[in-house]
Amino acid sequence: MTQDIRWGILGTGKIAKAFATALQDTPGAYLAAVASRSVDSATKFGAEYGAQRCHGSYQALADDSDVDVVYIATPHPMHHENALMCLNAGKGVLVEKSFTMNRPQAEDIINLARAKNLFVMEAMWTRFMPAVIEAKRIVDSGEIGTPANITADFGFTSDAGPEHRLFNPELGGGALLDLGIYPLSIASFFLGGVTSVKAQAQMTDTGVDMQTAFTLMHDGGGLSSCVCSLRSRTPTELTISGTKGFVRLSDRFHNTEAFNVTLVDGASRTERTVNVPRSGNGYTHEAQEVGRCLRAGLIESPVMPHAETLNLMGTLDAIREQIGLRYPADR
């Protein structure tokens, strides 16, 4: 594939708008089509973001022969059905996080993509941020020694009602799937696959988690401590500590353009700031990776591979089992 990547966007909500904006900053890509459950919503979205075609059903987008790959921007509980529909129609898919509601659903999607030799990737945009990539390069270089532990958090205060997607179990509500996936995924990115987890949570009256804390053991023995919350505005920081020092991505680590590297040798302490700007609102970087993979004939990204998505979904399942968080999809 050498031509421009023809994107379809399935859904017209907030995250879909952010991604459509990012496509305008993505070389060799454009928004070919958008779909909503209502043609009016699709038409309004298309007019605002320059979509060439606007579909009043998700199936119509899946069947659009002039689309190469579909970004699935619907609520979590719809990802499984929507992704399978697009794959069965011959489209590659970029699936918003959390990838699915549970690991069995994720296995369905990835198995079908592999059977049909089609691209699929979890849309963990943070992994493709230039600052995060540079921080990973520094950690992997050994500058801070052997990385041993991570602390990461993501939280904001929400006063939304029980019917809102953040607190409605029918819509995949709770802090864990919406926010906890960030510290979980980034810890795995830096320290390797998760081998075990311990979790505790404060639950809401609707039965989803208001805030959850979990510790992870990783391949090679690393340890992570993570928190996600809909009750508190946390620092949203990521710190990777090694035997010689640490790398800290401060406030909004998932979308940062700068981080600090601190080295400690006895009484000596040195610190420097690394500035690495992103393009636009940041979502273009994952879109560029999808384009690179499609042009290379890959069905998965080495930065966000299938096996790791499955491991992360399995870890989320284990956390939910420990805190008593169940969704209709688990029945």
C-alpha atoms as a PDB file:
ATOM      1  CA  MET A   1       0.000   0.000   0.000  1.00  0.00           C
ATOM      2  CA  THR A   2       1.592   3.270  -1.135  1.00  0.00           C
ATOM      3  CA  GLN A   3      -1.391   5.600  -1.509  1.00  0.00           C
ATOM      4  CA  ASP A   4      -2.875   7.793   1.199  1.00  0.00           C
ATOM      5  CA  ILE A   5      -4.538   5.877   4.023  1.00  0.00           C
ATOM      6  CA  ARG A   6      -8.304   6.235   3.759  1.00  0.00           C
ATOM      7  CA  TRP A   7      -9.718   6.403   7.277  1.00  0.00           C
ATOM      8  CA  GLY A   8     -13.230   5.747   8.479  1.00  0.00           C
ATOM      9  CA  ILE A   9     -14.383   6.831  11.933  1.00  0.00           C
ATOM     10  CA  LEU A  10     -17.107   4.825  13.624  1.00  0.00           C
ATOM     11  CA  GLY A  11     -18.803   7.072  16.174  1.00  0.00           C
ATOM     12  CA  THR A  12     -19.111  10.843  16.489  1.00  0.00           C
ATOM     13  CA  GLY A  13     -18.398  11.542  20.171  1.00  0.00           C
ATOM     14  CA  LYS A  14     -15.626  13.488  21.893  1.00  0.00           C
ATOM     15  CA  ILE A  15     -12.817  11.021  21.178  1.00  0.00           C
ATOM     16  CA  ALA A  16     -13.904  10.694  17.539  1.00  0.00           C
ATOM     17  CA  LYS A  17     -13.659  14.474  17.168  1.00  0.00           C
ATOM     18  CA  ALA A  18     -10.162  14.487  18.688  1.00  0.00           C
ATOM     19  CA  PHE A  19      -9.038  11.780  16.263  1.00  0.00           C
ATOM     20  CA  ALA A  20     -10.616  13.512  13.270  1.00  0.00           C
ATOM     21  CA  THR A  21      -8.737  16.669  14.216  1.00  0.00           C
ATOM     22  CA  ALA A  22      -5.516  14.658  14.412  1.00  0.00           C
ATOM     23  CA  LEU A  23      -6.014  13.194  10.932  1.00  0.00           C
ATOM     24  CA  GLN A  24      -5.694  16.716   9.586  1.00  0.00           C
ATOM     25  CA  ASP A  25      -2.143  16.697  10.998  1.00  0.00           C
ATOM     26  CA  THR A  26      -1.329  13.205   9.690  1.00  0.00           C
ATOM     27  CA  PRO A  27       0.736  13.039   6.489  1.00  0.00           C
ATOM     28  CA  GLY A  28      -0.509  10.568   3.891  1.00  0.00           C
ATOM     29  CA  ALA A  29      -3.925  10.101   5.495  1.00  0.00           C
ATOM     30  CA  TYR A  30      -7.396  11.581   5.255  1.00  0.00           C
ATOM     31  CA  LEU A  31     -10.898  11.109   6.600  1.00  0.00           C
ATOM     32  CA  ALA A  32     -12.767   9.231   3.902  1.00  0.00           C
ATOM     33  CA  ALA A  33     -15.958   8.455   5.806  1.00  0.00           C
ATOM     34  CA  VAL A  34     -17.721   8.721   9.138  1.00  0.00           C
ATOM     35  CA  ALA A  35     -20.639   6.752  10.547  1.00  0.00           C
ATOM     36  CA  SER A  36     -23.191   7.351  13.256  1.00  0.00           C
ATOM     37  CA  ARG A  37     -26.418   5.643  14.177  1.00  0.00           C
ATOM     38  CA  SER A  38     -28.109   8.771  12.828  1.00  0.00           C
ATOM     39  CA  VAL A  39     -27.385  10.253   9.427  1.00  0.00           C
ATOM     40  CA  ASP A  40     -27.856  13.763  10.830  1.00  0.00           C
ATOM     41  CA  SER A  41     -25.091  13.244  13.387  1.00  0.00           C
ATOM     42  CA  ALA A  42     -22.775  11.761  10.740  1.00  0.00           C
ATOM     43  CA  THR A  43     -23.499  14.609   8.309  1.00  0.00           C
ATOM     44  CA  LYS A  44     -22.823  17.265  10.943  1.00  0.00           C
ATOM     45  CA  PHE A  45     -19.566  15.555  11.941  1.00  0.00           C
ATOM     46  CA  GLY A  46     -18.520  15.125   8.313  1.00  0.00           C
ATOM     47  CA  ALA A  47     -19.129  18.764   7.510  1.00  0.00           C
ATOM     48  CA  GLU A  48     -17.021  19.868  10.477  1.00  0.00           C
ATOM     49  CA  TYR A  49     -14.086  17.527   9.871  1.00  0.00           C
ATOM     50  CA  GLY A  50     -14.111  17.125   6.093  1.00  0.00           C
ATOM     51  CA  ALA A  51     -15.295  13.550   5.702  1.00  0.00           C
ATOM     52  CA  GLN A  52     -15.947  12.660   2.083  1.00  0.00           C
ATOM     53  CA  ARG A  53     -18.908  10.408   2.927  1.00  0.00           C
ATOM     54  CA  CYS A  54     -21.299  10.290   5.866  1.00  0.00           C
ATOM     55  CA  HIS A  55     -23.115   7.078   6.756  1.00  0.00           C
ATOM     56  CA  GLY A  56     -26.230   6.716   8.880  1.00  0.00           C
ATOM     57  CA  SER A  57     -25.316   3.207  10.040  1.00  0.00           C
ATOM     58  CA  TYR A  58     -22.161   1.484  11.263  1.00  0.00           C
ATOM     59  CA  GLN A  59     -22.625  -1.353   8.782  1.00  0.00           C
ATOM     60  CA  ALA A  60     -22.591   1.115   5.890  1.00  0.00           C
ATOM     61  CA  LEU A  61     -19.151   2.304   6.946  1.00  0.00           C
ATOM     62  CA  ALA A  62     -17.885  -1.272   7.308  1.00  0.00           C
ATOM     63  CA  ASP A  63     -19.110  -1.952   3.761  1.00  0.00           C
ATOM     64  CA  ASP A  64     -17.600   1.224   2.279  1.00  0.00           C
ATOM     65  CA  SER A  65     -15.146  -0.010  -0.360  1.00  0.00           C
ATOM     66  CA  ASP A  66     -13.180   3.252  -0.277  1.00  0.00           C
ATOM     67  CA  VAL A  67     -12.064   2.876   3.344  1.00  0.00           C
ATOM     68  CA  ASP A  68      -8.823   1.108   4.352  1.00  0.00           C
ATOM     69  CA  VAL A  69      -9.028   1.186   8.128  1.00  0.00           C
ATOM     70  CA  VAL A  70     -11.673   2.105  10.713  1.00  0.00           C
ATOM     71  CA  TYR A  71     -11.119   3.894  13.993  1.00  0.00           C
ATOM     72  CA  ILE A  72     -13.666   2.531  16.466  1.00  0.00           C
ATOM     73  CA  ALA A  73     -14.658   5.361  18.785  1.00  0.00           C
ATOM     74  CA  THR A  74     -17.811   3.969  20.361  1.00  0.00           C
ATOM     75  CA  PRO A  75     -18.246   3.196  24.112  1.00  0.00           C
ATOM     76  CA  HIS A  76     -16.312   0.186  25.471  1.00  0.00           C
ATOM     77  CA  PRO A  77     -19.233  -2.292  25.396  1.00  0.00           C
ATOM     78  CA  MET A  78     -19.662  -1.770  21.654  1.00  0.00           C
ATOM     79  CA  HIS A  79     -16.030  -2.350  20.649  1.00  0.00           C
ATOM     80  CA  HIS A  80     -16.365  -6.120  20.311  1.00  0.00           C
ATOM     81  CA  GLU A  81     -19.372  -6.051  18.004  1.00  0.00           C
ATOM     82  CA  ASN A  82     -18.127  -3.070  16.008  1.00  0.00           C
ATOM     83  CA  ALA A  83     -14.616  -4.465  15.477  1.00  0.00           C
ATOM     84  CA  LEU A  84     -15.886  -7.884  14.375  1.00  0.00           C
ATOM     85  CA  MET A  85     -18.272  -6.204  11.943  1.00  0.00           C
ATOM     86  CA  CYS A  86     -15.476  -4.160  10.351  1.00  0.00           C
ATOM     87  CA  LEU A  87     -13.058  -7.091  10.181  1.00  0.00           C
ATOM     88  CA  ASN A  88     -15.705  -9.297   8.585  1.00  0.00           C
ATOM     89  CA  ALA A  89     -16.133  -6.577   5.961  1.00  0.00           C
ATOM     90  CA  GLY A  90     -12.392  -6.663   5.218  1.00  0.00           C
ATOM     91  CA  LYS A  91     -11.335  -3.531   7.111  1.00  0.00           C
ATOM     92  CA  GLY A  92      -8.396  -3.096   9.420  1.00  0.00           C
ATOM     93  CA  VAL A  93      -9.309  -1.554  12.771  1.00  0.00           C
ATOM     94  CA  LEU A  94      -7.864   0.769  15.386  1.00  0.00           C
ATOM     95  CA  VAL A  95      -9.914   0.102  18.523  1.00  0.00           C
ATOM     96  CA  GLU A  96     -10.167   2.742  21.234  1.00  0.00           C
ATOM     97  CA  LYS A  97      -9.141   1.688  24.738  1.00  0.00           C
ATOM     98  CA  SER A  98     -10.088  -0.094  26.679  1.00  0.00           C
ATOM     99  CA  PHE A  99      -9.881  -2.527  23.783  1.00  0.00           C
ATOM    100  CA  THR A 100     -12.889  -4.589  24.914  1.00  0.00           C
ATOM    101  CA  MET A 101     -14.801  -5.385  28.095  1.00  0.00           C
ATOM    102  CA  ASN A 102     -12.815  -8.555  28.821  1.00  0.00           C
ATOM    103  CA  ARG A 103     -10.104 -10.823  27.457  1.00  0.00           C
ATOM    104  CA  PRO A 104     -12.407 -13.324  25.696  1.00  0.00           C
ATOM    105  CA  GLN A 105     -13.818 -10.473  23.601  1.00  0.00           C
ATOM    106  CA  ALA A 106     -10.291  -9.305  22.793  1.00  0.00           C
ATOM    107  CA  GLU A 107      -9.362 -12.835  21.730  1.00  0.00           C
ATOM    108  CA  ASP A 108     -12.338 -12.900  19.353  1.00  0.00           C
ATOM    109  CA  ILE A 109     -11.171  -9.727  17.613  1.00  0.00           C
ATOM    110  CA  ILE A 110      -7.496 -10.651  17.380  1.00  0.00           C
ATOM    111  CA  ASN A 111      -8.187 -14.211  16.243  1.00  0.00           C
ATOM    112  CA  LEU A 112     -10.455 -12.950  13.468  1.00  0.00           C
ATOM    113  CA  ALA A 113      -7.911 -10.332  12.388  1.00  0.00           C
ATOM    114  CA  ARG A 114      -5.199 -12.973  12.214  1.00  0.00           C
ATOM    115  CA  ALA A 115      -7.450 -15.379  10.305  1.00  0.00           C
ATOM    116  CA  LYS A 116      -8.277 -12.689   7.763  1.00  0.00           C
ATOM    117  CA  ASN A 117      -4.738 -11.221   7.715  1.00  0.00           C
ATOM    118  CA  LEU A 118      -6.081  -7.802   8.676  1.00  0.00           C
ATOM    119  CA  PHE A 119      -4.534  -5.108  10.848  1.00  0.00           C
ATOM    120  CA  VAL A 120      -5.813  -4.490  14.369  1.00  0.00           C
ATOM    121  CA  MET A 121      -4.361  -2.356  17.155  1.00  0.00           C
ATOM    122  CA  GLU A 122      -5.440  -1.020  20.520  1.00  0.00           C
ATOM    123  CA  ALA A 123      -5.505   2.788  20.405  1.00  0.00           C
ATOM    124  CA  MET A 124      -3.137   3.417  23.318  1.00  0.00           C
ATOM    125  CA  TRP A 125      -1.984   6.770  21.950  1.00  0.00           C
ATOM    126  CA  THR A 126       0.397   7.428  24.857  1.00  0.00           C
ATOM    127  CA  ARG A 127       2.837   4.779  23.639  1.00  0.00           C
ATOM    128  CA  PHE A 128       3.374   6.749  20.430  1.00  0.00           C
ATOM    129  CA  MET A 129       3.972  10.148  22.017  1.00  0.00           C
ATOM    130  CA  PRO A 130       7.452  11.432  21.099  1.00  0.00           C
ATOM    131  CA  ALA A 131       8.223  12.232  24.753  1.00  0.00           C
ATOM    132  CA  VAL A 132       7.226   8.754  25.903  1.00  0.00           C
ATOM    133  CA  ILE A 133       9.259   7.134  23.126  1.00  0.00           C
ATOM    134  CA  GLU A 134      12.307   9.192  24.114  1.00  0.00           C
ATOM    135  CA  ALA A 135      11.809   8.330  27.787  1.00  0.00           C
ATOM    136  CA  LYS A 136      11.678   4.645  26.824  1.00  0.00           C
ATOM    137  CA  ARG A 137      14.900   5.018  24.830  1.00  0.00           C
ATOM    138  CA  ILE A 138      16.646   6.577  27.836  1.00  0.00           C
ATOM    139  CA  VAL A 139      15.420   3.870  30.208  1.00  0.00           C
ATOM    140  CA  ASP A 140      16.432   1.126  27.765  1.00  0.00           C
ATOM    141  CA  SER A 141      19.874   2.727  27.324  1.00  0.00           C
ATOM    142  CA  GLY A 142      20.721   1.977  30.958  1.00  0.00           C
ATOM    143  CA  GLU A 143      21.214   5.611  31.922  1.00  0.00           C
ATOM    144  CA  ILE A 144      19.133   5.193  35.102  1.00  0.00           C
ATOM    145  CA  GLY A 145      20.508   1.700  35.663  1.00  0.00           C
ATOM    146  CA  THR A 146      18.274  -1.333  35.779  1.00  0.00           C
ATOM    147  CA  PRO A 147      14.625  -0.206  35.963  1.00  0.00           C
ATOM    148  CA  ALA A 148      13.044  -1.739  39.050  1.00  0.00           C
ATOM    149  CA  ASN A 149       9.745  -0.002  39.799  1.00  0.00           C
ATOM    150  CA  ILE A 150       7.121   2.371  38.488  1.00  0.00           C
ATOM    151  CA  THR A 151       4.553   4.603  40.121  1.00  0.00           C
ATOM    152  CA  ALA A 152       1.745   5.916  37.921  1.00  0.00           C
ATOM    153  CA  ASP A 153      -1.621   7.537  38.511  1.00  0.00           C
ATOM    154  CA  PHE A 154      -4.518   8.964  36.538  1.00  0.00           C
ATOM    155  CA  GLY A 155      -7.463  10.644  38.186  1.00  0.00           C
ATOM    156  CA  PHE A 156      -9.933  13.484  37.919  1.00  0.00           C
ATOM    157  CA  THR A 157     -13.025  14.496  39.854  1.00  0.00           C
ATOM    158  CA  SER A 158     -16.345  13.758  38.199  1.00  0.00           C
ATOM    159  CA  ASP A 159     -19.763  14.858  39.405  1.00  0.00           C
ATOM    160  CA  ALA A 160     -21.588  13.103  36.546  1.00  0.00           C
ATOM    161  CA  GLY A 161     -24.825  11.336  37.366  1.00  0.00           C
ATOM    162  CA  PRO A 162     -25.318   7.568  37.594  1.00  0.00           C
ATOM    163  CA  GLU A 163     -26.633   7.392  34.027  1.00  0.00           C
ATOM    164  CA  HIS A 164     -23.422   8.908  32.614  1.00  0.00           C
ATOM    165  CA  ARG A 165     -21.036   6.533  30.848  1.00  0.00           C
ATOM    166  CA  LEU A 166     -18.440   7.024  33.599  1.00  0.00           C
ATOM    167  CA  PHE A 167     -20.726   5.471  36.215  1.00  0.00           C
ATOM    168  CA  ASN A 168     -23.156   3.355  34.196  1.00  0.00           C
ATOM    169  CA  PRO A 169     -22.197  -0.350  34.171  1.00  0.00           C
ATOM    170  CA  GLU A 170     -24.192  -0.851  30.956  1.00  0.00           C
ATOM    171  CA  LEU A 171     -21.775   1.579  29.275  1.00  0.00           C
ATOM    172  CA  GLY A 172     -18.613   0.088  30.790  1.00  0.00           C
ATOM    173  CA  GLY A 173     -18.376   2.708  33.532  1.00  0.00           C
ATOM    174  CA  GLY A 174     -15.818   2.973  36.312  1.00  0.00           C
ATOM    175  CA  ALA A 175     -12.344   4.382  36.776  1.00  0.00           C
ATOM    176  CA  LEU A 176     -10.543   1.173  35.846  1.00  0.00           C
ATOM    177  CA  LEU A 177     -11.479   0.755  32.174  1.00  0.00           C
ATOM    178  CA  ASP A 178     -11.600   4.478  31.485  1.00  0.00           C
ATOM    179  CA  LEU A 179      -8.478   5.653  33.331  1.00  0.00           C
ATOM    180  CA  GLY A 180      -6.714   2.652  34.868  1.00  0.00           C
ATOM    181  CA  ILE A 181      -5.743   1.342  31.452  1.00  0.00           C
ATOM    182  CA  TYR A 182      -3.252   4.233  31.176  1.00  0.00           C
ATOM    183  CA  PRO A 183      -1.011   3.427  34.167  1.00  0.00           C
ATOM    184  CA  LEU A 184      -1.461  -0.293  33.520  1.00  0.00           C
ATOM    185  CA  SER A 185      -0.420  -0.098  29.872  1.00  0.00           C
ATOM    186  CA  ILE A 186       2.469   2.296  30.429  1.00  0.00           C
ATOM    187  CA  ALA A 187       3.830   0.154  33.273  1.00  0.00           C
ATOM    188  CA  SER A 188       3.806  -2.846  30.949  1.00  0.00           C
ATOM    189  CA  PHE A 189       5.444  -0.757  28.223  1.00  0.00           C
ATOM    190  CA  PHE A 190       8.419   0.117  30.421  1.00  0.00           C
ATOM    191  CA  LEU A 191       8.795  -2.954  32.666  1.00  0.00           C
ATOM    192  CA  GLY A 192       7.413  -5.807  30.546  1.00  0.00           C
ATOM    193  CA  GLY A 193       4.429  -8.110  30.768  1.00  0.00           C
ATOM    194  CA  VAL A 194       2.385  -8.375  33.945  1.00  0.00           C
ATOM    195  CA  THR A 195       2.734 -11.671  35.803  1.00  0.00           C
ATOM    196  CA  SER A 196       0.528 -10.958  38.835  1.00  0.00           C
ATOM    197  CA  VAL A 197      -1.680  -8.230  40.298  1.00  0.00           C
ATOM    198  CA  LYS A 198      -3.209  -7.217  43.635  1.00  0.00           C
ATOM    199  CA  ALA A 199      -6.017  -4.655  43.743  1.00  0.00           C
ATOM    200  CA  GLN A 200      -8.386  -2.786  46.055  1.00  0.00           C
ATOM    201  CA  ALA A 201     -11.175  -0.368  45.167  1.00  0.00           C
ATOM    202  CA  GLN A 202     -13.833   1.985  46.421  1.00  0.00           C
ATOM    203  CA  MET A 203     -17.078   1.201  44.612  1.00  0.00           C
ATOM    204  CA  THR A 204     -20.011   3.429  43.658  1.00  0.00           C
ATOM    205  CA  ASP A 205     -23.708   2.859  44.243  1.00  0.00           C
ATOM    206  CA  THR A 206     -24.029   1.790  40.606  1.00  0.00           C
ATOM    207  CA  GLY A 207     -21.566  -1.062  41.163  1.00  0.00           C
ATOM    208  CA  VAL A 208     -18.584   0.316  39.241  1.00  0.00           C
ATOM    209  CA  ASP A 209     -15.306   1.470  40.775  1.00  0.00           C
ATOM    210  CA  MET A 210     -14.928   5.076  41.912  1.00  0.00           C
ATOM    211  CA  GLN A 211     -11.199   4.547  42.414  1.00  0.00           C
ATOM    212  CA  THR A 212      -8.880   1.580  42.257  1.00  0.00           C
ATOM    213  CA  ALA A 213      -5.316   0.972  43.413  1.00  0.00           C
ATOM    214  CA  PHE A 214      -3.317  -1.966  42.103  1.00  0.00           C
ATOM    215  CA  THR A 215       0.216  -3.310  42.283  1.00  0.00           C
ATOM    216  CA  LEU A 216       1.791  -5.283  39.464  1.00  0.00           C
ATOM    217  CA  MET A 217       4.666  -7.742  39.196  1.00  0.00           C
ATOM    218  CA  HIS A 218       6.370  -7.790  35.817  1.00  0.00           C
ATOM    219  CA  ASP A 219       8.516 -10.123  33.769  1.00  0.00           C
ATOM    220  CA  GLY A 220      12.014  -9.831  35.182  1.00  0.00           C
ATOM    221  CA  GLY A 221      10.801  -8.931  38.681  1.00  0.00           C
ATOM    222  CA  GLY A 222       9.895  -5.246  38.322  1.00  0.00           C
ATOM    223  CA  LEU A 223       7.125  -3.834  40.517  1.00  0.00           C
ATOM    224  CA  SER A 224       4.536  -1.140  39.725  1.00  0.00           C
ATOM    225  CA  SER A 225       2.122   0.783  41.928  1.00  0.00           C
ATOM    226  CA  CYS A 226      -0.846   2.315  40.082  1.00  0.00           C
ATOM    227  CA  VAL A 227      -3.943   4.335  40.982  1.00  0.00           C
ATOM    228  CA  CYS A 228      -6.944   5.495  38.970  1.00  0.00           C
ATOM    229  CA  SER A 229      -9.704   7.684  40.337  1.00  0.00           C
ATOM    230  CA  LEU A 230     -12.932   9.471  39.482  1.00  0.00           C
ATOM    231  CA  ARG A 231     -12.911  11.027  42.956  1.00  0.00           C
ATOM    232  CA  SER A 232      -9.659  12.998  42.995  1.00  0.00           C
ATOM    233  CA  ARG A 233      -7.570  15.128  40.674  1.00  0.00           C
ATOM    234  CA  THR A 234      -4.314  13.197  40.946  1.00  0.00           C
ATOM    235  CA  PRO A 235      -0.906  14.463  39.753  1.00  0.00           C
ATOM    236  CA  THR A 236      -1.175  12.146  36.712  1.00  0.00           C
ATOM    237  CA  GLU A 237       2.527  11.395  36.914  1.00  0.00           C
ATOM    238  CA  LEU A 238       4.693   8.509  35.796  1.00  0.00           C
ATOM    239  CA  THR A 239       8.002   7.733  37.490  1.00  0.00           C
ATOM    240  CA  ILE A 240      10.325   4.964  36.304  1.00  0.00           C
ATOM    241  CA  SER A 241      13.011   4.273  38.916  1.00  0.00           C
ATOM    242  CA  GLY A 242      16.216   2.362  38.400  1.00  0.00           C
ATOM    243  CA  THR A 243      19.407   1.597  40.270  1.00  0.00           C
ATOM    244  CA  LYS A 244      21.048   4.905  39.269  1.00  0.00           C
ATOM    245  CA  GLY A 245      18.115   7.316  39.211  1.00  0.00           C
ATOM    246  CA  PHE A 246      14.707   7.925  37.745  1.00  0.00           C
ATOM    247  CA  VAL A 247      12.745   9.380  34.851  1.00  0.00           C
ATOM    248  CA  ARG A 248       9.636  11.390  35.760  1.00  0.00           C
ATOM    249  CA  LEU A 249       6.880  12.416  33.383  1.00  0.00           C
ATOM    250  CA  SER A 250       4.890  14.993  35.308  1.00  0.00           C
ATOM    251  CA  ASP A 251       1.317  16.306  35.045  1.00  0.00           C
ATOM    252  CA  ARG A 252      -0.611  14.537  32.276  1.00  0.00           C
ATOM    253  CA  PHE A 253       2.127  11.990  31.572  1.00  0.00           C
ATOM    254  CA  HIS A 254      -0.041  10.429  28.864  1.00  0.00           C
ATOM    255  CA  ASN A 255       0.184  13.542  26.702  1.00  0.00           C
ATOM    256  CA  THR A 256       3.302  15.314  27.922  1.00  0.00           C
ATOM    257  CA  GLU A 257       5.948  17.101  25.892  1.00  0.00           C
ATOM    258  CA  ALA A 258       8.670  17.130  28.566  1.00  0.00           C
ATOM    259  CA  PHE A 259      10.137  14.981  31.321  1.00  0.00           C
ATOM    260  CA  ASN A 260      12.973  15.011  33.839  1.00  0.00           C
ATOM    261  CA  VAL A 261      15.896  12.619  34.157  1.00  0.00           C
ATOM    262  CA  THR A 262      17.460  12.496  37.635  1.00  0.00           C
ATOM    263  CA  LEU A 263      20.673  10.630  38.408  1.00  0.00           C
ATOM    264  CA  VAL A 264      21.883  10.020  41.946  1.00  0.00           C
ATOM    265  CA  ASP A 265      25.427   8.934  42.882  1.00  0.00           C
ATOM    266  CA  GLY A 266      25.946   9.065  46.626  1.00  0.00           C
ATOM    267  CA  ALA A 267      25.596  12.705  47.649  1.00  0.00           C
ATOM    268  CA  SER A 268      25.725  13.843  44.019  1.00  0.00           C
ATOM    269  CA  ARG A 269      22.464  14.512  42.233  1.00  0.00           C
ATOM    270  CA  THR A 270      22.023  15.775  38.678  1.00  0.00           C
ATOM    271  CA  GLU A 271      18.812  16.577  36.864  1.00  0.00           C
ATOM    272  CA  ARG A 272      17.962  17.618  33.357  1.00  0.00           C
ATOM    273  CA  THR A 273      14.738  18.330  31.491  1.00  0.00           C
ATOM    274  CA  VAL A 274      14.095  16.742  28.120  1.00  0.00           C
ATOM    275  CA  ASN A 275      11.679  18.563  25.810  1.00  0.00           C
ATOM    276  CA  VAL A 276      10.090  16.563  23.000  1.00  0.00           C
ATOM    277  CA  PRO A 277       7.128  18.300  21.330  1.00  0.00           C
ATOM    278  CA  ARG A 278       4.198  16.371  19.944  1.00  0.00           C
ATOM    279  CA  SER A 279       2.314  17.124  16.753  1.00  0.00           C
ATOM    280  CA  GLY A 280      -1.103  18.739  17.115  1.00  0.00           C
ATOM    281  CA  ASN A 281      -3.282  17.225  19.830  1.00  0.00           C
ATOM    282  CA  GLY A 282      -1.133  14.076  19.936  1.00  0.00           C
ATOM    283  CA  TYR A 283      -3.437  11.519  18.340  1.00  0.00           C
ATOM    284  CA  THR A 284      -1.675  11.840  14.996  1.00  0.00           C
ATOM    285  CA  HIS A 285       1.216   9.726  16.260  1.00  0.00           C
ATOM    286  CA  GLU A 286      -0.879   6.564  16.639  1.00  0.00           C
ATOM    287  CA  ALA A 287      -2.512   7.288  13.269  1.00  0.00           C
ATOM    288  CA  GLN A 288       0.939   7.542  11.703  1.00  0.00           C
ATOM    289  CA  GLU A 289       1.890   4.186  13.224  1.00  0.00           C
ATOM    290  CA  VAL A 290      -1.217   2.575  11.739  1.00  0.00           C
ATOM    291  CA  GLY A 291      -0.298   4.002   8.342  1.00  0.00           C
ATOM    292  CA  ARG A 292       3.268   2.719   8.671  1.00  0.00           C
ATOM    293  CA  CYS A 293       2.047  -0.769   9.553  1.00  0.00           C
ATOM    294  CA  LEU A 294      -0.495  -0.880   6.722  1.00  0.00           C
ATOM    295  CA  ARG A 295       2.095   0.199   4.156  1.00  0.00           C
ATOM    296  CA  ALA A 296       4.500  -2.441   5.486  1.00  0.00           C
ATOM    297  CA  GLY A 297       1.862  -5.160   5.260  1.00  0.00           C
ATOM    298  CA  LEU A 298       1.812  -5.730   9.038  1.00  0.00           C
ATOM    299  CA  ILE A 299      -1.270  -6.914  10.906  1.00  0.00           C
ATOM    300  CA  GLU A 300      -0.022  -5.658  14.292  1.00  0.00           C
ATOM    301  CA  SER A 301       2.226  -2.933  15.638  1.00  0.00           C
ATOM    302  CA  PRO A 302       5.419  -3.928  17.462  1.00  0.00           C
ATOM    303  CA  VAL A 303       4.786  -1.005  19.827  1.00  0.00           C
ATOM    304  CA  MET A 304       1.274  -2.193  20.796  1.00  0.00           C
ATOM    305  CA  PRO A 305       1.282  -5.889  19.802  1.00  0.00           C
ATOM    306  CA  HIS A 306      -1.642  -8.288  20.010  1.00  0.00           C
ATOM    307  CA  ALA A 307      -0.091 -10.398  22.773  1.00  0.00           C
ATOM    308  CA  GLU A 308       0.318  -7.389  25.020  1.00  0.00           C
ATOM    309  CA  THR A 309      -3.254  -6.228  24.474  1.00  0.00           C
ATOM    310  CA  LEU A 310      -4.420  -9.715  25.471  1.00  0.00           C
ATOM    311  CA  ASN A 311      -2.185  -9.662  28.556  1.00  0.00           C
ATOM    312  CA  LEU A 312      -3.504  -6.254  29.591  1.00  0.00           C
ATOM    313  CA  MET A 313      -7.127  -7.304  29.119  1.00  0.00           C
ATOM    314  CA  GLY A 314      -6.427 -10.413  31.207  1.00  0.00           C
ATOM    315  CA  THR A 315      -4.917  -8.224  33.914  1.00  0.00           C
ATOM    316  CA  LEU A 316      -7.980  -5.964  33.882  1.00  0.00           C
ATOM    317  CA  ASP A 317     -10.138  -9.088  34.253  1.00  0.00           C
ATOM    318  CA  ALA A 318      -8.069 -10.176  37.270  1.00  0.00           C
ATOM    319  CA  ILE A 319      -8.375  -6.736  38.878  1.00  0.00           C
ATOM    320  CA  ARG A 320     -12.132  -6.723  38.320  1.00  0.00           C
ATOM    321  CA  GLU A 321     -12.430 -10.177  39.865  1.00  0.00           C
ATOM    322  CA  GLN A 322     -10.595  -8.969  42.975  1.00  0.00           C
ATOM    323  CA  ILE A 323     -12.650  -5.800  43.426  1.00  0.00           C
ATOM    324  CA  GLY A 324     -16.007  -7.320  42.456  1.00  0.00           C
ATOM    325  CA  LEU A 325     -16.561  -5.338  39.254  1.00  0.00           C
ATOM    326  CA  ARG A 326     -18.707  -7.185  36.724  1.00  0.00           C
ATOM    327  CA  TYR A 327     -20.323  -6.073  33.497  1.00  0.00           C
ATOM    328  CA  PRO A 328     -23.170  -7.489  31.373  1.00  0.00           C
ATOM    329  CA  ALA A 329     -20.541  -8.668  28.868  1.00  0.00           C
ATOM    330  CA  ASP A 330     -19.186 -11.085  31.492  1.00  0.00           C
ATOM    331  CA  ARG A 331     -22.414 -13.080  31.658  1.00  0.00           C
END
